[in-house]
Amino acid sequence: MLLTTHFSYHKETKTFVSEISLLADSIDTMHYFTLHNPKTGNSKIFNLKSIDKDGSGEDIYGWNYETDCGLKALIIND
């Protein structure tokens, strides 16, 4: 489970954004994760939607996730 404190939230796009270095190293193998807000006690499951790669397909720029209610998460490979 990841915490909202590890992410920035962009209200206009309904997207949580974080860098991989702030999270668990195994994020690149996760097909989903649960994001928990310790202030409200609410949790949402984010499912992997796509992976952004360079033209050669070798380097990963980021992972895109989404909930069933339209919230998004972007984890940047820094």
N, C-alpha and C. Protein backbone atom coordinates (compact mmCIF):
# COMPACT_ATOMS: atom_id res chain seq x y z
N MET A 1 0.85 -1.18 0.00
CA MET A 1 0.00 0.00 0.00
C MET A 1 0.89 1.24 0.00
N LEU A 2 0.57 2.19 -0.86
CA LEU A 2 1.28 3.46 -0.92
C LEU A 2 0.43 4.54 -0.27
N LEU A 3 1.07 5.58 0.21
CA LEU A 3 0.37 6.67 0.89
C LEU A 3 0.30 7.90 -0.02
N THR A 4 -0.78 8.68 0.11
CA THR A 4 -0.92 9.90 -0.68
C THR A 4 0.20 10.89 -0.37
N THR A 5 0.83 10.77 0.79
CA THR A 5 1.92 11.68 1.15
C THR A 5 3.14 11.51 0.26
N HIS A 6 3.23 10.40 -0.47
CA HIS A 6 4.33 10.16 -1.40
C HIS A 6 4.05 10.74 -2.79
N PHE A 7 2.89 11.35 -2.97
CA PHE A 7 2.45 11.85 -4.27
C PHE A 7 2.07 13.32 -4.19
N SER A 8 2.20 14.01 -5.33
CA SER A 8 1.59 15.33 -5.50
C SER A 8 0.28 15.09 -6.22
N TYR A 9 -0.73 15.92 -5.93
CA TYR A 9 -2.01 15.76 -6.60
C TYR A 9 -2.28 16.97 -7.47
N HIS A 10 -2.65 16.72 -8.74
CA HIS A 10 -2.99 17.77 -9.68
C HIS A 10 -4.50 17.72 -9.92
N LYS A 11 -5.20 18.66 -9.28
CA LYS A 11 -6.66 18.66 -9.28
C LYS A 11 -7.26 18.76 -10.69
N GLU A 12 -6.65 19.58 -11.56
CA GLU A 12 -7.20 19.79 -12.90
C GLU A 12 -7.28 18.50 -13.70
N THR A 13 -6.27 17.64 -13.55
CA THR A 13 -6.22 16.39 -14.32
C THR A 13 -6.60 15.17 -13.49
N LYS A 14 -6.91 15.38 -12.21
CA LYS A 14 -7.24 14.29 -11.27
C LYS A 14 -6.13 13.24 -11.27
N THR A 15 -4.86 13.72 -11.20
CA THR A 15 -3.72 12.82 -11.30
C THR A 15 -2.79 12.96 -10.11
N PHE A 16 -2.45 11.82 -9.52
CA PHE A 16 -1.42 11.76 -8.49
C PHE A 16 -0.10 11.49 -9.20
N VAL A 17 0.96 12.22 -8.83
CA VAL A 17 2.26 12.07 -9.50
C VAL A 17 3.35 11.87 -8.45
N SER A 18 4.24 10.92 -8.73
CA SER A 18 5.38 10.68 -7.86
C SER A 18 6.55 10.18 -8.70
N GLU A 19 7.73 10.20 -8.09
CA GLU A 19 8.93 9.67 -8.73
C GLU A 19 9.22 8.30 -8.14
N ILE A 20 9.73 7.40 -8.95
CA ILE A 20 10.01 6.03 -8.53
C ILE A 20 10.94 5.98 -7.32
N SER A 21 11.87 6.93 -7.25
CA SER A 21 12.84 6.93 -6.15
C SER A 21 12.19 7.17 -4.79
N LEU A 22 10.99 7.73 -4.77
CA LEU A 22 10.27 7.97 -3.53
C LEU A 22 9.41 6.78 -3.10
N LEU A 23 9.30 5.80 -3.99
CA LEU A 23 8.42 4.65 -3.76
C LEU A 23 9.23 3.36 -3.71
N ALA A 24 8.55 2.27 -3.54
CA ALA A 24 9.19 0.95 -3.52
C ALA A 24 9.79 0.64 -4.89
N ASP A 25 10.96 0.04 -4.92
CA ASP A 25 11.63 -0.29 -6.16
C ASP A 25 10.86 -1.27 -7.02
N SER A 26 9.97 -2.03 -6.44
CA SER A 26 9.25 -3.06 -7.19
C SER A 26 8.06 -2.51 -7.98
N ILE A 27 7.86 -1.19 -7.98
CA ILE A 27 6.70 -0.60 -8.65
C ILE A 27 6.66 -0.97 -10.13
N ASP A 28 7.81 -1.17 -10.76
CA ASP A 28 7.81 -1.46 -12.20
C ASP A 28 7.25 -2.84 -12.53
N THR A 29 7.04 -3.67 -11.53
CA THR A 29 6.47 -4.99 -11.77
C THR A 29 5.02 -5.07 -11.29
N MET A 30 4.48 -3.97 -10.79
CA MET A 30 3.13 -3.98 -10.23
C MET A 30 2.09 -3.67 -11.31
N HIS A 31 1.07 -4.50 -11.37
CA HIS A 31 -0.03 -4.28 -12.29
C HIS A 31 -1.11 -3.43 -11.65
N TYR A 32 -1.05 -3.29 -10.33
CA TYR A 32 -1.97 -2.42 -9.60
C TYR A 32 -1.35 -2.10 -8.25
N PHE A 33 -1.86 -1.05 -7.62
CA PHE A 33 -1.46 -0.72 -6.25
C PHE A 33 -2.62 -0.01 -5.57
N THR A 34 -2.60 -0.03 -4.25
CA THR A 34 -3.59 0.67 -3.46
C THR A 34 -2.97 1.94 -2.92
N LEU A 35 -3.67 3.05 -3.11
CA LEU A 35 -3.23 4.33 -2.60
C LEU A 35 -4.14 4.70 -1.43
N HIS A 36 -3.53 4.96 -0.29
CA HIS A 36 -4.28 5.21 0.95
C HIS A 36 -4.05 6.64 1.42
N ASN A 37 -5.12 7.31 1.78
CA ASN A 37 -5.04 8.66 2.35
C ASN A 37 -5.15 8.54 3.86
N PRO A 38 -4.04 8.76 4.60
CA PRO A 38 -4.08 8.60 6.05
C PRO A 38 -4.97 9.63 6.75
N LYS A 39 -5.22 10.78 6.14
CA LYS A 39 -6.07 11.81 6.75
C LYS A 39 -7.54 11.41 6.73
N THR A 40 -8.00 10.85 5.60
CA THR A 40 -9.42 10.51 5.45
C THR A 40 -9.70 9.04 5.72
N GLY A 41 -8.67 8.21 5.61
CA GLY A 41 -8.86 6.77 5.76
C GLY A 41 -9.33 6.10 4.48
N ASN A 42 -9.51 6.87 3.40
CA ASN A 42 -9.97 6.31 2.12
C ASN A 42 -8.83 5.67 1.36
N SER A 43 -9.16 4.65 0.58
CA SER A 43 -8.19 3.97 -0.27
C SER A 43 -8.80 3.74 -1.64
N LYS A 44 -7.96 3.76 -2.66
CA LYS A 44 -8.38 3.48 -4.03
C LYS A 44 -7.38 2.53 -4.66
N ILE A 45 -7.87 1.64 -5.51
CA ILE A 45 -7.01 0.73 -6.25
C ILE A 45 -6.74 1.33 -7.63
N PHE A 46 -5.46 1.45 -7.97
CA PHE A 46 -5.02 1.97 -9.26
C PHE A 46 -4.50 0.82 -10.10
N ASN A 47 -5.06 0.65 -11.30
CA ASN A 47 -4.66 -0.41 -12.22
C ASN A 47 -3.75 0.14 -13.31
N LEU A 48 -2.73 -0.61 -13.67
CA LEU A 48 -1.80 -0.21 -14.72
C LEU A 48 -2.53 -0.09 -16.05
N LYS A 49 -2.40 1.06 -16.70
CA LYS A 49 -3.02 1.29 -18.02
C LYS A 49 -1.99 1.29 -19.13
N SER A 50 -0.81 1.88 -18.89
CA SER A 50 0.20 1.91 -19.94
C SER A 50 1.56 2.23 -19.33
N ILE A 51 2.60 1.93 -20.11
CA ILE A 51 3.97 2.23 -19.73
C ILE A 51 4.57 3.09 -20.84
N ASP A 52 5.11 4.24 -20.47
CA ASP A 52 5.76 5.13 -21.45
C ASP A 52 7.21 4.72 -21.60
N LYS A 53 7.62 4.39 -22.85
CA LYS A 53 8.99 3.96 -23.13
C LYS A 53 9.60 4.84 -24.21
N ASP A 54 10.92 4.79 -24.32
CA ASP A 54 11.60 5.51 -25.39
C ASP A 54 11.37 4.79 -26.72
N GLY A 55 11.87 5.37 -27.80
CA GLY A 55 11.65 4.82 -29.14
C GLY A 55 12.17 3.41 -29.33
N SER A 56 13.24 3.05 -28.60
CA SER A 56 13.80 1.70 -28.75
C SER A 56 13.02 0.68 -27.91
N GLY A 57 12.20 1.17 -26.99
CA GLY A 57 11.45 0.28 -26.12
C GLY A 57 12.24 -0.27 -24.95
N GLU A 58 13.47 0.22 -24.78
CA GLU A 58 14.33 -0.28 -23.71
C GLU A 58 14.20 0.51 -22.41
N ASP A 59 14.13 1.83 -22.52
CA ASP A 59 14.07 2.67 -21.33
C ASP A 59 12.64 3.08 -21.02
N ILE A 60 12.27 2.97 -19.74
CA ILE A 60 10.93 3.34 -19.30
C ILE A 60 10.97 4.76 -18.73
N TYR A 61 10.05 5.60 -19.22
CA TYR A 61 9.92 6.97 -18.71
C TYR A 61 8.94 7.03 -17.53
N GLY A 62 7.88 6.21 -17.58
CA GLY A 62 6.89 6.26 -16.51
C GLY A 62 5.81 5.22 -16.66
N TRP A 63 5.04 5.06 -15.58
CA TRP A 63 3.94 4.10 -15.51
C TRP A 63 2.65 4.88 -15.29
N ASN A 64 1.61 4.57 -16.04
CA ASN A 64 0.31 5.23 -15.94
C ASN A 64 -0.72 4.28 -15.35
N TYR A 65 -1.39 4.73 -14.32
CA TYR A 65 -2.41 3.93 -13.62
C TYR A 65 -3.72 4.71 -13.60
N GLU A 66 -4.83 3.97 -13.39
CA GLU A 66 -6.13 4.62 -13.29
C GLU A 66 -7.06 3.80 -12.41
N THR A 67 -7.97 4.49 -11.72
CA THR A 67 -8.99 3.82 -10.91
C THR A 67 -10.25 3.64 -11.75
N ASP A 68 -11.20 2.90 -11.22
CA ASP A 68 -12.47 2.71 -11.92
C ASP A 68 -13.32 3.97 -11.90
N CYS A 69 -12.97 4.95 -11.03
CA CYS A 69 -13.73 6.20 -10.97
C CYS A 69 -13.02 7.36 -11.68
N GLY A 70 -11.94 7.07 -12.41
CA GLY A 70 -11.30 8.09 -13.24
C GLY A 70 -10.11 8.82 -12.64
N LEU A 71 -9.73 8.49 -11.41
CA LEU A 71 -8.50 9.08 -10.86
C LEU A 71 -7.31 8.45 -11.56
N LYS A 72 -6.25 9.23 -11.75
CA LYS A 72 -5.06 8.73 -12.43
C LYS A 72 -3.84 8.85 -11.53
N ALA A 73 -2.83 8.05 -11.85
CA ALA A 73 -1.55 8.15 -11.17
C ALA A 73 -0.45 7.98 -12.21
N LEU A 74 0.57 8.81 -12.10
CA LEU A 74 1.74 8.73 -12.96
C LEU A 74 2.95 8.57 -12.07
N ILE A 75 3.72 7.52 -12.31
CA ILE A 75 4.96 7.30 -11.58
C ILE A 75 6.10 7.49 -12.58
N ILE A 76 6.91 8.49 -12.31
CA ILE A 76 7.99 8.87 -13.22
C ILE A 76 9.26 8.12 -12.87
N ASN A 77 9.90 7.56 -13.87
CA ASN A 77 11.17 6.87 -13.70
C ASN A 77 12.28 7.92 -13.72
N ASP A 78 12.69 8.33 -12.53
CA ASP A 78 13.73 9.36 -12.43
C ASP A 78 15.06 8.68 -12.35
